[in-house]
């Protein structure tokens, strides 16, 4: 037998005393509770974050120091104008600095990730470069405001047991390549990780943060060309064997020697970053037309589109020169693109976007919206 369905009541049921309205005490308590909730919401309200881009932050240089005795490397310590906390970051991260001239350059964070109120970067002066390092050295002073983008991380530190199967870590740094490595060894040491490092450079006067590095004691070996000669792979990788992860940052020659050696060492993980553009591999010559002026540029087999564009348009924007920062993105009007970047999505590529620092022409000619 099915149960009869009773209609839903439209008036509250009577209480134990036969009254059909809510108890007066209950109504008073309900009024007090609702009033308290409204008042609490009012007094604890806060202003919303109205920043258009939370990853584009104006910072003020509060300290400028010479970090190498030959004065070729300086560090900048930057904080928010109002002293607020800055976005968190992990070892290996970098910032995009928008310099006063409009140039954008990338520099590794080399401070302490535990310090949420300041960012530190270091810049080596490159006299024959494209002007970014010269501008930092010659024009940026204490009190200068610099807008930064980031932090972003293309060289993450993976701790043993937390994404890495290695039991120990070995670091190799060459010259200014110490900047992303410094936060890594600081974290490894703080967490009790088994680690060692070889720090190489031309001379003790040219390598930055030397005293800071040597404060870690016997875990660090400093090798300089003037005292020990050009290091071999064996000099850079002492004690490296199975169950070791290697982190390397430095000149192209150094990173290539490390990569070639580690490739033949079973059980060794390799993570590396370079500060100069990678050499063009399997390149062929082609032409690029700049659509807005009709100029035609010849791109040799061993040169990038960016290198040739900069000769015609020295003010063109670029930064990493390795295909991951997007600064040099250009729209392609016609031609087949050989995409060699690591960041553009399929939709962006289909729309015609190209990173001219690494990508090339898949045919004989590209027409760029420049």
Protein backbone atom coordinates (compact mmCIF):
# COMPACT_ATOMS: atom_id res chain seq x y z
CA UNK A 1 0.00 0.00 0.00
CA UNK A 2 1.37 3.41 -0.89
CA UNK A 3 1.52 6.14 1.72
CA UNK A 4 -0.84 9.10 1.33
CA UNK A 5 0.87 12.36 0.31
CA UNK A 6 0.07 15.16 2.72
CA UNK A 7 -0.03 18.79 1.58
CA UNK A 8 2.81 21.10 2.59
CA UNK A 9 1.66 23.41 5.44
CA UNK A 10 1.39 27.09 4.59
CA UNK A 11 1.31 28.35 8.20
CA UNK A 12 3.80 27.57 10.96
CA UNK A 13 2.63 24.82 13.34
CA UNK A 14 1.47 25.73 16.80
CA UNK A 15 3.91 25.52 19.68
CA UNK A 16 3.40 23.46 22.85
CA UNK A 17 1.17 26.15 24.29
CA UNK A 18 -1.14 26.32 21.27
CA UNK A 19 0.28 29.58 19.85
CA UNK A 20 0.60 29.96 16.08
CA UNK A 21 3.42 32.51 16.00
CA UNK A 22 7.14 32.21 16.70
CA UNK A 23 8.26 32.56 20.28
CA UNK A 24 9.05 36.17 21.27
CA UNK A 25 12.41 35.24 22.81
CA UNK A 26 13.40 33.38 19.67
CA UNK A 27 12.48 36.38 17.50
CA UNK A 28 14.58 38.71 19.67
CA UNK A 29 17.60 36.42 19.52
CA UNK A 30 17.22 36.05 15.75
CA UNK A 31 17.11 39.87 15.37
CA UNK A 32 20.26 40.29 17.50
CA UNK A 33 22.15 37.60 15.56
CA UNK A 34 21.22 39.10 12.17
CA UNK A 35 22.16 42.63 13.31
CA UNK A 36 25.54 41.40 14.58
CA UNK A 37 26.22 39.67 11.26
CA UNK A 38 25.39 42.81 9.27
CA UNK A 39 27.60 44.99 11.52
CA UNK A 40 30.52 42.54 11.34
CA UNK A 41 30.29 42.48 7.54
CA UNK A 42 30.33 46.31 7.44
CA UNK A 43 33.28 46.92 9.77
CA UNK A 44 35.44 44.15 8.27
CA UNK A 45 35.00 45.11 4.64
CA UNK A 46 38.15 45.82 2.57
CA UNK A 47 38.94 47.58 -0.63
CA UNK A 48 39.35 45.27 -3.62
CA UNK A 49 42.71 44.98 -5.36
CA UNK A 50 42.29 47.27 -8.34
CA UNK A 51 45.66 46.66 -9.97
CA UNK A 52 45.16 45.94 -13.65
CA UNK A 53 48.14 43.60 -13.82
CA UNK A 54 49.29 42.06 -10.54
CA UNK A 55 52.44 40.80 -12.28
CA UNK A 56 53.58 44.25 -13.42
CA UNK A 57 54.90 46.04 -10.38
CA UNK A 58 56.74 49.37 -9.93
CA UNK A 59 59.69 48.93 -7.58
CA UNK A 60 62.23 51.35 -6.14
CA UNK A 61 65.98 50.63 -6.04
CA UNK A 62 66.98 50.89 -2.36
CA UNK A 63 70.52 49.51 -2.63
CA UNK A 64 73.12 49.35 -5.42
CA UNK A 65 76.31 47.37 -4.77
CA UNK A 66 79.41 46.34 -6.68
CA UNK A 67 79.56 42.55 -6.46
CA UNK A 68 82.80 41.87 -8.35
CA UNK A 69 86.06 43.65 -7.58
CA UNK A 70 86.58 44.61 -11.22
CA UNK A 71 83.27 46.55 -10.98
CA UNK A 72 81.74 44.72 -13.94
CA UNK A 73 78.87 43.29 -11.84
CA UNK A 74 76.44 45.28 -9.73
CA UNK A 75 73.41 44.12 -7.75
CA UNK A 76 70.16 46.01 -7.30
CA UNK A 77 67.93 45.53 -4.27
CA UNK A 78 64.37 46.65 -5.02
CA UNK A 79 61.28 47.04 -2.85
CA UNK A 80 57.70 48.23 -3.31
CA UNK A 81 57.28 52.00 -2.72
CA UNK A 82 54.79 51.33 0.10
CA UNK A 83 56.77 48.42 1.58
CA UNK A 84 54.12 45.83 0.78
CA UNK A 85 54.91 42.14 0.37
CA UNK A 86 56.01 41.11 -3.12
CA UNK A 87 54.81 38.04 -5.03
CA UNK A 88 56.44 34.83 -3.83
CA UNK A 89 59.09 33.12 -5.95
CA UNK A 90 61.21 29.98 -5.98
CA UNK A 91 64.90 29.46 -6.83
CA UNK A 92 65.59 29.72 -10.55
CA UNK A 93 63.03 32.49 -11.14
CA UNK A 94 63.70 35.68 -13.06
CA UNK A 95 62.22 39.15 -13.51
CA UNK A 96 61.60 41.20 -16.64
CA UNK A 97 62.92 44.71 -15.95
CA UNK A 98 61.37 47.56 -17.94
CA UNK A 99 64.28 49.98 -18.07
CA UNK A 100 63.76 53.78 -18.22
CA UNK A 101 64.56 53.76 -21.97
CA UNK A 102 61.79 51.24 -22.64
CA UNK A 103 64.15 48.30 -23.13
CA UNK A 104 63.06 45.06 -21.44
CA UNK A 105 65.71 42.74 -20.05
CA UNK A 106 65.56 39.59 -17.95
CA UNK A 107 67.63 39.03 -14.82
CA UNK A 108 67.64 36.09 -12.43
CA UNK A 109 66.53 36.66 -8.85
CA UNK A 110 69.56 36.04 -6.66
CA UNK A 111 68.27 36.99 -3.21
CA UNK A 112 66.49 34.92 -0.59
CA UNK A 113 63.00 33.61 -1.48
CA UNK A 114 62.13 33.84 2.22
CA UNK A 115 62.41 37.65 2.01
CA UNK A 116 58.97 38.70 0.76
CA UNK A 117 59.74 42.43 0.84
CA UNK A 118 62.69 42.73 -1.56
CA UNK A 119 63.96 41.41 -4.89
CA UNK A 120 67.67 41.27 -5.74
CA UNK A 121 69.13 40.95 -9.24
CA UNK A 122 72.67 41.26 -10.55
CA UNK A 123 73.83 42.68 -13.88
CA UNK A 124 77.17 42.22 -15.62
CA UNK A 125 78.30 45.15 -17.76
CA UNK A 126 78.63 44.08 -21.41
CA UNK A 127 80.37 46.89 -23.35
CA UNK A 128 79.61 45.42 -26.80
CA UNK A 129 76.07 44.29 -25.94
CA UNK A 130 72.77 45.83 -26.99
CA UNK A 131 72.61 48.49 -24.31
CA UNK A 132 70.57 46.95 -21.52
CA UNK A 133 73.44 46.27 -19.14
CA UNK A 134 75.05 49.62 -19.96
CA UNK A 135 71.84 51.43 -19.08
CA UNK A 136 71.57 49.63 -15.74
CA UNK A 137 75.20 50.40 -14.85
CA UNK A 138 75.24 53.99 -16.06
CA UNK A 139 71.75 55.29 -15.28
CA UNK A 140 70.07 53.22 -12.56
CA UNK A 141 70.76 54.59 -9.10
CA UNK A 142 69.31 54.34 -5.61
CA UNK A 143 65.85 55.90 -5.83
CA UNK A 144 65.26 54.92 -9.47
CA UNK A 145 61.81 53.42 -10.09
CA UNK A 146 61.80 50.33 -12.31
CA UNK A 147 58.69 48.43 -13.38
CA UNK A 148 59.14 44.67 -13.26
CA UNK A 149 57.13 41.77 -14.66
CA UNK A 150 57.12 38.40 -12.95
CA UNK A 151 58.56 36.52 -11.20
CA UNK A 152 58.55 33.67 -13.71
CA UNK A 153 60.53 30.46 -13.58
CA UNK A 154 62.06 28.69 -16.57
CA UNK A 155 64.79 27.03 -14.47
CA UNK A 156 63.02 25.48 -11.44
CA UNK A 157 64.91 23.77 -8.63
CA UNK A 158 63.44 20.29 -8.07
CA UNK A 159 64.32 18.97 -4.62
CA UNK A 160 65.39 15.34 -4.20
CA UNK A 161 62.38 13.36 -3.07
CA UNK A 162 59.98 16.07 -4.25
CA UNK A 163 59.82 15.47 -8.00
CA UNK A 164 63.40 14.28 -8.40
CA UNK A 165 64.62 10.73 -7.86
CA UNK A 166 68.16 11.95 -7.15
CA UNK A 167 69.73 11.49 -3.72
CA UNK A 168 72.11 14.45 -3.98
CA UNK A 169 72.61 17.65 -5.99
CA UNK A 170 75.68 19.10 -7.70
CA UNK A 171 75.73 22.70 -8.91
CA UNK A 172 77.99 24.20 -11.58
CA UNK A 173 78.10 27.97 -12.03
CA UNK A 174 80.20 30.05 -14.38
CA UNK A 175 80.65 33.78 -13.67
CA UNK A 176 77.34 35.65 -13.69
CA UNK A 177 75.68 32.23 -13.96
CA UNK A 178 75.86 32.13 -10.18
CA UNK A 179 72.73 34.32 -9.93
CA UNK A 180 70.02 31.63 -10.32
CA UNK A 181 72.21 29.10 -8.49
CA UNK A 182 72.63 31.17 -5.30
CA UNK A 183 69.01 30.78 -4.13
CA UNK A 184 69.20 27.07 -4.95
CA UNK A 185 72.22 26.37 -2.75
CA UNK A 186 70.69 28.52 -0.02
CA UNK A 187 67.51 26.40 -0.08
CA UNK A 188 69.42 23.12 -0.36
CA UNK A 189 71.55 24.04 2.64
CA UNK A 190 68.57 25.23 4.68
CA UNK A 191 66.70 21.96 4.03
CA UNK A 192 69.65 19.67 4.74
CA UNK A 193 70.05 18.41 1.15
CA UNK A 194 73.34 16.69 0.29
CA UNK A 195 74.92 19.10 -2.20
CA UNK A 196 78.22 20.32 -3.67
CA UNK A 197 79.17 23.04 -6.12
CA UNK A 198 81.94 24.11 -8.48
CA UNK A 199 82.09 27.85 -9.15
CA UNK A 200 84.26 28.79 -12.15
CA UNK A 201 85.40 32.08 -13.67
CA UNK A 202 88.28 33.95 -15.24
CA UNK A 203 89.71 35.20 -11.94
CA UNK A 204 88.63 35.82 -8.36
CA UNK A 205 88.27 39.52 -9.18
CA UNK A 206 85.70 38.86 -11.91
CA UNK A 207 83.31 36.42 -10.24
CA UNK A 208 80.43 38.00 -8.29
CA UNK A 209 79.19 37.09 -4.80
CA UNK A 210 82.46 35.28 -4.04
CA UNK A 211 82.39 35.83 -0.26
CA UNK A 212 78.72 34.87 -0.12
CA UNK A 213 79.44 31.63 -1.96
CA UNK A 214 82.52 30.78 0.09
CA UNK A 215 80.50 31.19 3.30
CA UNK A 216 79.04 27.74 2.58
CA UNK A 217 82.44 26.21 3.34
CA UNK A 218 83.81 22.96 1.99
CA UNK A 219 80.74 22.16 -0.10
CA UNK A 220 81.95 24.79 -2.61
CA UNK A 221 85.01 24.56 -4.86
CA UNK A 222 86.10 27.78 -6.58
CA UNK A 223 88.12 27.33 -9.78
CA UNK A 224 89.56 30.24 -11.74
CA UNK A 225 91.20 30.12 -15.15
CA UNK A 226 94.20 32.20 -14.09
CA UNK A 227 94.99 29.86 -11.16
CA UNK A 228 93.83 26.43 -12.36
CA UNK A 229 93.51 26.67 -16.16
CA UNK A 230 90.40 26.07 -18.26
CA UNK A 231 88.31 23.47 -16.42
CA UNK A 232 87.52 20.13 -17.98
CA UNK A 233 84.27 18.21 -17.55
CA UNK A 234 85.96 16.15 -14.83
CA UNK A 235 86.92 19.35 -13.01
CA UNK A 236 83.34 20.63 -13.14
CA UNK A 237 81.65 17.33 -12.20
CA UNK A 238 83.71 15.81 -9.35
CA UNK A 239 81.94 12.97 -7.58
CA UNK A 240 78.92 13.07 -9.89
CA UNK A 241 77.44 9.65 -10.46
CA UNK A 242 74.13 7.79 -10.44
CA UNK A 243 71.38 9.33 -8.27
CA UNK A 244 72.81 12.87 -8.73
CA UNK A 245 71.01 15.83 -10.22
CA UNK A 246 73.20 18.50 -11.84
CA UNK A 247 72.21 22.17 -12.11
CA UNK A 248 74.36 24.24 -14.45
CA UNK A 249 74.28 27.89 -15.49
CA UNK A 250 77.03 29.73 -17.31
CA UNK A 251 78.60 30.38 -20.71
CA UNK A 252 77.44 28.37 -23.72
CA UNK A 253 80.73 26.44 -23.90
CA UNK A 254 80.43 25.35 -20.27
CA UNK A 255 76.81 24.29 -20.49
CA UNK A 256 77.51 22.36 -23.69
CA UNK A 257 80.47 20.49 -22.15
CA UNK A 258 78.33 19.59 -19.14
CA UNK A 259 75.44 18.43 -21.35
CA UNK A 260 77.69 16.29 -23.58
CA UNK A 261 79.28 14.63 -20.54
CA UNK A 262 76.13 14.03 -18.51
CA UNK A 263 74.41 12.54 -21.55
CA UNK A 264 76.70 9.52 -21.18
CA UNK A 265 76.24 9.14 -17.40
CA UNK A 266 73.33 6.82 -16.53
CA UNK A 267 71.15 7.90 -13.62
CA UNK A 268 72.23 11.58 -13.69
CA UNK A 269 69.60 14.31 -14.11
CA UNK A 270 70.62 17.57 -15.83
CA UNK A 271 68.97 20.99 -15.50
CA UNK A 272 70.64 23.95 -17.18
CA UNK A 273 70.17 27.57 -18.18
CA UNK A 274 72.25 29.83 -20.36
CA UNK A 275 72.38 33.62 -20.60
CA UNK A 276 73.18 33.81 -24.30
CA UNK A 277 71.05 32.66 -27.23
CA UNK A 278 71.45 29.04 -28.32
CA UNK A 279 73.24 28.42 -31.61
CA UNK A 280 71.02 27.92 -34.66
CA UNK A 281 70.66 24.21 -35.42
CA UNK A 282 69.85 22.92 -38.93
CA UNK A 283 69.25 26.45 -40.17
CA UNK A 284 68.81 27.48 -43.79
CA UNK A 285 69.00 30.93 -45.33
CA UNK A 286 65.79 32.82 -46.17
CA UNK A 287 64.41 36.32 -46.62
CA UNK A 288 62.20 38.45 -44.38
CA UNK A 289 60.12 41.34 -45.67
CA UNK A 290 59.12 44.12 -43.27
CA UNK A 291 55.59 44.82 -44.47
CA UNK A 292 55.29 48.43 -43.25
CA UNK A 293 58.31 49.68 -45.20
CA UNK A 294 58.90 47.00 -47.81
CA UNK A 295 62.47 46.38 -46.63
CA UNK A 296 63.80 42.91 -47.40
CA UNK A 297 66.33 41.33 -45.02
CA UNK A 298 68.54 38.34 -45.74
CA UNK A 299 68.71 35.92 -42.80
CA UNK A 300 71.79 33.67 -42.99
CA UNK A 301 71.58 30.02 -42.00
CA UNK A 302 73.41 30.64 -38.71
CA UNK A 303 71.63 33.87 -37.67
CA UNK A 304 68.22 34.54 -36.11
CA UNK A 305 65.49 36.73 -37.54
CA UNK A 306 65.85 38.95 -34.47
CA UNK A 307 69.54 39.59 -35.17
CA UNK A 308 68.79 40.83 -38.67
CA UNK A 309 65.70 42.81 -37.62
CA UNK A 310 67.75 44.64 -34.97
CA UNK A 311 70.14 45.85 -37.65
CA UNK A 312 67.23 47.54 -39.43
CA UNK A 313 65.14 48.37 -36.35
CA UNK A 314 67.50 48.81 -33.36
CA UNK A 315 64.58 49.77 -31.09
CA UNK A 316 62.77 46.44 -31.57
CA UNK A 317 61.72 44.80 -28.30
CA UNK A 318 63.35 41.59 -27.13
CA UNK A 319 64.63 40.01 -23.94
CA UNK A 320 65.43 36.32 -23.40
CA UNK A 321 66.54 35.45 -26.98
CA UNK A 322 65.71 31.82 -26.14
CA UNK A 323 62.04 31.56 -27.04
CA UNK A 324 60.20 31.70 -23.76
CA UNK A 325 59.53 35.31 -22.70
CA UNK A 326 57.27 36.44 -25.62
CA UNK A 327 58.82 39.94 -25.73
CA UNK A 328 59.79 39.68 -29.42
CA UNK A 329 56.46 38.26 -30.66
CA UNK A 330 55.56 39.45 -34.17
CA UNK A 331 52.54 38.78 -36.39
CA UNK A 332 53.34 36.97 -39.66
CA UNK A 333 51.37 38.21 -42.67
CA UNK A 334 52.46 35.47 -45.03
CA UNK A 335 54.88 32.57 -45.24
CA UNK A 336 55.42 29.27 -43.46
CA UNK A 337 56.89 29.47 -39.94
CA UNK A 338 59.23 26.88 -38.41
CA UNK A 339 58.23 27.40 -34.76
CA UNK A 340 61.08 26.71 -32.32
CA UNK A 341 59.78 28.45 -29.19
CA UNK A 342 58.44 26.75 -26.08
CA UNK A 343 55.52 29.02 -25.13
CA UNK A 344 53.15 29.85 -27.99
CA UNK A 345 49.93 27.87 -28.05
CA UNK A 346 48.57 26.17 -31.18
CA UNK A 347 45.91 28.89 -31.39
CA UNK A 348 48.53 31.65 -31.22
CA UNK A 349 50.61 29.99 -33.90
CA UNK A 350 47.54 29.50 -36.08
CA UNK A 351 46.76 33.22 -35.66
CA UNK A 352 50.19 34.05 -37.07
CA UNK A 353 52.25 34.82 -33.98
CA UNK A 354 56.00 34.14 -34.13
CA UNK A 355 58.90 34.60 -31.72
CA UNK A 356 61.61 35.95 -34.00
CA UNK A 357 64.44 35.24 -31.56
CA UNK A 358 64.37 31.49 -32.27
CA UNK A 359 61.72 30.59 -34.86
CA UNK A 360 62.57 30.55 -38.54
CA UNK A 361 61.06 30.31 -41.99
CA UNK A 362 59.84 26.95 -43.22
CA UNK A 363 60.26 28.11 -46.82
CA UNK A 364 62.07 30.90 -48.64
CA UNK A 365 60.34 34.05 -47.42
CA UNK A 366 58.33 35.52 -44.52
CA UNK A 367 56.41 38.77 -44.47
CA UNK A 368 56.31 40.26 -40.97
CA UNK A 369 54.01 42.96 -39.64
CA UNK A 370 56.90 45.32 -38.92
